Amino acid sequence: MEASATTQANVSKHLQLLLRAGVVQRRKDGLHSYYSIADPTVFELCDVVCGSLSARLRDQLAALRPAAPPAAGPGRRDGTKRR
């Protein structure tokens, strides 16, 4: 629970929803339940979604960056020419 910064009850509720939807499967061992992904294609779906989000965020970041100042011409670093 510490890694997710939430409560046991909240995690259990979400795992039950995922179990009913067929996204995860459960194996019980005494008092413990172990969950795993039921369909490995879920990982492919996650890759597609994450790739799409990364591309969108990269484009948004590029649009927010200020335009680069013009390159300095020959001469001084500030672009002015020497006399």
N, C-alpha and C. Protein backbone atom coordinates (compact mmCIF):
# COMPACT_ATOMS: atom_id res chain seq x y z
N MET A 1 0.81 -1.19 0.00
CA MET A 1 0.00 0.00 0.00
C MET A 1 0.87 1.26 0.00
N GLU A 2 2.04 1.19 0.62
CA GLU A 2 2.89 2.38 0.72
C GLU A 2 3.29 2.90 -0.65
N ALA A 3 3.57 1.99 -1.58
CA ALA A 3 4.01 2.42 -2.91
C ALA A 3 2.90 3.16 -3.65
N SER A 4 1.65 2.85 -3.35
CA SER A 4 0.54 3.49 -4.05
C SER A 4 -0.02 4.68 -3.27
N ALA A 5 0.44 4.90 -2.05
CA ALA A 5 -0.02 6.01 -1.21
C ALA A 5 -1.54 6.03 -1.07
N THR A 6 -2.11 4.85 -0.86
CA THR A 6 -3.55 4.75 -0.66
C THR A 6 -3.84 3.69 0.40
N THR A 7 -5.10 3.47 0.68
CA THR A 7 -5.48 2.53 1.74
C THR A 7 -5.68 1.12 1.19
N GLN A 8 -5.61 0.17 2.09
CA GLN A 8 -5.86 -1.24 1.74
C GLN A 8 -7.26 -1.38 1.13
N ALA A 9 -8.23 -0.73 1.74
CA ALA A 9 -9.62 -0.82 1.24
C ALA A 9 -9.73 -0.29 -0.18
N ASN A 10 -9.04 0.80 -0.49
CA ASN A 10 -9.10 1.39 -1.82
C ASN A 10 -8.46 0.45 -2.85
N VAL A 11 -7.31 -0.10 -2.51
CA VAL A 11 -6.63 -1.03 -3.43
C VAL A 11 -7.51 -2.26 -3.65
N SER A 12 -8.07 -2.80 -2.57
CA SER A 12 -8.93 -3.99 -2.69
C SER A 12 -10.13 -3.72 -3.59
N LYS A 13 -10.73 -2.55 -3.42
CA LYS A 13 -11.89 -2.19 -4.25
C LYS A 13 -11.51 -2.15 -5.73
N HIS A 14 -10.36 -1.53 -6.05
CA HIS A 14 -9.93 -1.44 -7.44
C HIS A 14 -9.56 -2.81 -8.00
N LEU A 15 -8.92 -3.63 -7.19
CA LEU A 15 -8.58 -4.98 -7.67
C LEU A 15 -9.84 -5.81 -7.94
N GLN A 16 -10.86 -5.64 -7.12
CA GLN A 16 -12.12 -6.35 -7.36
C GLN A 16 -12.75 -5.91 -8.68
N LEU A 17 -12.70 -4.61 -8.95
CA LEU A 17 -13.24 -4.11 -10.22
C LEU A 17 -12.47 -4.69 -11.40
N LEU A 18 -11.15 -4.71 -11.29
CA LEU A 18 -10.32 -5.26 -12.37
C LEU A 18 -10.54 -6.76 -12.52
N LEU A 19 -10.76 -7.45 -11.41
CA LEU A 19 -11.02 -8.89 -11.45
C LEU A 19 -12.35 -9.17 -12.16
N ARG A 20 -13.38 -8.42 -11.80
CA ARG A 20 -14.70 -8.62 -12.43
C ARG A 20 -14.66 -8.27 -13.92
N ALA A 21 -13.81 -7.33 -14.29
CA ALA A 21 -13.70 -6.94 -15.70
C ALA A 21 -12.82 -7.91 -16.48
N GLY A 22 -12.14 -8.82 -15.80
CA GLY A 22 -11.30 -9.79 -16.48
C GLY A 22 -9.91 -9.28 -16.81
N VAL A 23 -9.53 -8.14 -16.25
CA VAL A 23 -8.21 -7.58 -16.53
C VAL A 23 -7.14 -8.30 -15.72
N VAL A 24 -7.49 -8.65 -14.48
CA VAL A 24 -6.56 -9.40 -13.62
C VAL A 24 -7.18 -10.73 -13.23
N GLN A 25 -6.31 -11.62 -12.77
CA GLN A 25 -6.76 -12.89 -12.20
C GLN A 25 -6.19 -12.99 -10.79
N ARG A 26 -6.84 -13.82 -9.95
CA ARG A 26 -6.42 -13.90 -8.55
C ARG A 26 -6.10 -15.35 -8.18
N ARG A 27 -5.06 -15.47 -7.37
CA ARG A 27 -4.70 -16.77 -6.80
C ARG A 27 -4.64 -16.58 -5.29
N LYS A 28 -5.41 -17.41 -4.57
CA LYS A 28 -5.42 -17.30 -3.12
C LYS A 28 -4.47 -18.33 -2.53
N ASP A 29 -3.76 -17.89 -1.47
CA ASP A 29 -2.83 -18.77 -0.76
C ASP A 29 -2.98 -18.45 0.73
N GLY A 30 -3.82 -19.21 1.39
CA GLY A 30 -4.11 -18.93 2.80
C GLY A 30 -4.82 -17.61 2.95
N LEU A 31 -4.25 -16.72 3.73
CA LEU A 31 -4.86 -15.41 3.95
C LEU A 31 -4.49 -14.40 2.88
N HIS A 32 -3.60 -14.77 2.00
CA HIS A 32 -3.09 -13.84 0.99
C HIS A 32 -3.73 -14.09 -0.38
N SER A 33 -3.90 -13.02 -1.12
CA SER A 33 -4.36 -13.10 -2.50
C SER A 33 -3.29 -12.49 -3.39
N TYR A 34 -3.00 -13.16 -4.49
CA TYR A 34 -1.99 -12.69 -5.44
C TYR A 34 -2.67 -12.41 -6.76
N TYR A 35 -2.48 -11.21 -7.26
CA TYR A 35 -3.11 -10.79 -8.50
C TYR A 35 -2.07 -10.72 -9.61
N SER A 36 -2.52 -11.06 -10.81
CA SER A 36 -1.66 -10.93 -11.98
C SER A 36 -2.52 -10.50 -13.16
N ILE A 37 -1.85 -10.02 -14.19
CA ILE A 37 -2.56 -9.60 -15.40
C ILE A 37 -3.11 -10.85 -16.09
N ALA A 38 -4.39 -10.82 -16.42
CA ALA A 38 -5.04 -11.99 -17.01
C ALA A 38 -4.74 -12.13 -18.50
N ASP A 39 -4.60 -11.01 -19.19
CA ASP A 39 -4.37 -11.03 -20.63
C ASP A 39 -3.12 -10.22 -20.94
N PRO A 40 -2.06 -10.88 -21.41
CA PRO A 40 -0.80 -10.18 -21.66
C PRO A 40 -0.89 -9.04 -22.68
N THR A 41 -1.93 -9.03 -23.51
CA THR A 41 -2.04 -7.93 -24.47
C THR A 41 -2.31 -6.59 -23.78
N VAL A 42 -2.67 -6.63 -22.49
CA VAL A 42 -2.85 -5.41 -21.72
C VAL A 42 -1.55 -4.60 -21.72
N PHE A 43 -0.40 -5.29 -21.69
CA PHE A 43 0.88 -4.59 -21.71
C PHE A 43 1.08 -3.86 -23.04
N GLU A 44 0.65 -4.46 -24.14
CA GLU A 44 0.74 -3.80 -25.44
C GLU A 44 -0.14 -2.55 -25.46
N LEU A 45 -1.33 -2.67 -24.90
CA LEU A 45 -2.25 -1.54 -24.83
C LEU A 45 -1.63 -0.40 -24.02
N CYS A 46 -1.01 -0.74 -22.90
CA CYS A 46 -0.34 0.27 -22.07
C CYS A 46 0.78 0.96 -22.85
N ASP A 47 1.55 0.19 -23.62
CA ASP A 47 2.62 0.77 -24.42
C ASP A 47 2.08 1.77 -25.45
N VAL A 48 0.97 1.42 -26.08
CA VAL A 48 0.36 2.30 -27.08
C VAL A 48 -0.13 3.59 -26.42
N VAL A 49 -0.82 3.46 -25.30
CA VAL A 49 -1.36 4.63 -24.61
C VAL A 49 -0.22 5.52 -24.10
N CYS A 50 0.79 4.91 -23.48
CA CYS A 50 1.92 5.70 -22.96
C CYS A 50 2.68 6.39 -24.10
N GLY A 51 2.84 5.72 -25.22
CA GLY A 51 3.52 6.32 -26.36
C GLY A 51 2.75 7.51 -26.90
N SER A 52 1.45 7.38 -26.97
CA SER A 52 0.60 8.47 -27.45
C SER A 52 0.65 9.66 -26.50
N LEU A 53 0.57 9.39 -25.21
CA LEU A 53 0.64 10.47 -24.23
C LEU A 53 2.00 11.15 -24.25
N SER A 54 3.06 10.38 -24.40
CA SER A 54 4.41 10.97 -24.46
C SER A 54 4.54 11.90 -25.65
N ALA A 55 4.04 11.47 -26.80
CA ALA A 55 4.13 12.30 -28.00
C ALA A 55 3.32 13.58 -27.82
N ARG A 56 2.13 13.48 -27.26
CA ARG A 56 1.30 14.66 -27.05
C ARG A 56 1.97 15.63 -26.08
N LEU A 57 2.52 15.12 -24.99
CA LEU A 57 3.18 15.99 -24.02
C LEU A 57 4.44 16.63 -24.60
N ARG A 58 5.18 15.88 -25.41
CA ARG A 58 6.38 16.41 -26.06
C ARG A 58 5.99 17.57 -26.98
N ASP A 59 4.90 17.41 -27.74
CA ASP A 59 4.43 18.47 -28.63
C ASP A 59 3.98 19.70 -27.84
N GLN A 60 3.28 19.47 -26.74
CA GLN A 60 2.81 20.59 -25.92
C GLN A 60 4.00 21.34 -25.30
N LEU A 61 5.00 20.60 -24.85
CA LEU A 61 6.18 21.23 -24.27
C LEU A 61 6.92 22.06 -25.32
N ALA A 62 7.04 21.52 -26.52
CA ALA A 62 7.71 22.26 -27.60
C ALA A 62 6.96 23.55 -27.92
N ALA A 63 5.64 23.51 -27.87
CA ALA A 63 4.84 24.70 -28.16
C ALA A 63 4.97 25.75 -27.06
N LEU A 64 5.27 25.33 -25.85
CA LEU A 64 5.38 26.26 -24.74
C LEU A 64 6.77 26.87 -24.61
N ARG A 65 7.77 26.25 -25.19
CA ARG A 65 9.14 26.77 -25.10
C ARG A 65 9.25 28.05 -25.91
N PRO A 66 9.96 29.06 -25.35
CA PRO A 66 10.14 30.29 -26.13
C PRO A 66 11.02 30.01 -27.35
N ALA A 67 10.80 30.81 -28.38
CA ALA A 67 11.60 30.65 -29.60
C ALA A 67 13.05 30.95 -29.28
N ALA A 68 13.96 30.24 -29.92
CA ALA A 68 15.39 30.45 -29.70
C ALA A 68 15.78 31.80 -30.27
N PRO A 69 16.67 32.52 -29.59
CA PRO A 69 17.12 33.81 -30.13
C PRO A 69 17.90 33.58 -31.42
N PRO A 70 17.95 34.59 -32.30
CA PRO A 70 18.67 34.40 -33.56
C PRO A 70 20.15 34.11 -33.28
N ALA A 71 20.73 33.32 -34.13
CA ALA A 71 22.14 32.97 -33.98
C ALA A 71 23.00 34.21 -34.16
N ALA A 72 24.07 34.30 -33.37
CA ALA A 72 24.99 35.44 -33.47
C ALA A 72 25.74 35.36 -34.79
N GLY A 73 25.92 36.53 -35.42
CA GLY A 73 26.64 36.58 -36.69
C GLY A 73 28.14 36.57 -36.45
N PRO A 74 28.91 36.71 -37.49
CA PRO A 74 30.36 36.71 -37.33
C PRO A 74 30.80 37.92 -36.51
N GLY A 75 31.82 37.77 -35.76
CA GLY A 75 32.30 38.87 -34.93
C GLY A 75 32.12 38.55 -33.47
N ARG A 76 31.50 39.45 -32.77
CA ARG A 76 31.32 39.30 -31.33
C ARG A 76 30.22 38.31 -30.98
N ARG A 77 30.25 37.87 -29.75
CA ARG A 77 29.23 36.91 -29.30
C ARG A 77 27.83 37.51 -29.28
N ASP A 78 27.74 38.82 -29.12
CA ASP A 78 26.41 39.45 -29.07
C ASP A 78 25.84 39.72 -30.46
N GLY A 79 26.58 39.32 -31.50
CA GLY A 79 26.09 39.46 -32.86
C GLY A 79 26.50 40.75 -33.54
N THR A 80 27.09 41.69 -32.79
CA THR A 80 27.54 42.92 -33.42
C THR A 80 28.88 42.69 -34.09
N LYS A 81 29.16 43.47 -35.12
CA LYS A 81 30.43 43.30 -35.85
C LYS A 81 31.52 44.14 -35.23
N ARG A 82 32.72 43.67 -35.38
CA ARG A 82 33.88 44.44 -34.90
C ARG A 82 34.15 45.57 -35.86
N ARG A 83 34.73 46.64 -35.37
CA ARG A 83 35.07 47.78 -36.23
C ARG A 83 36.46 47.66 -36.72
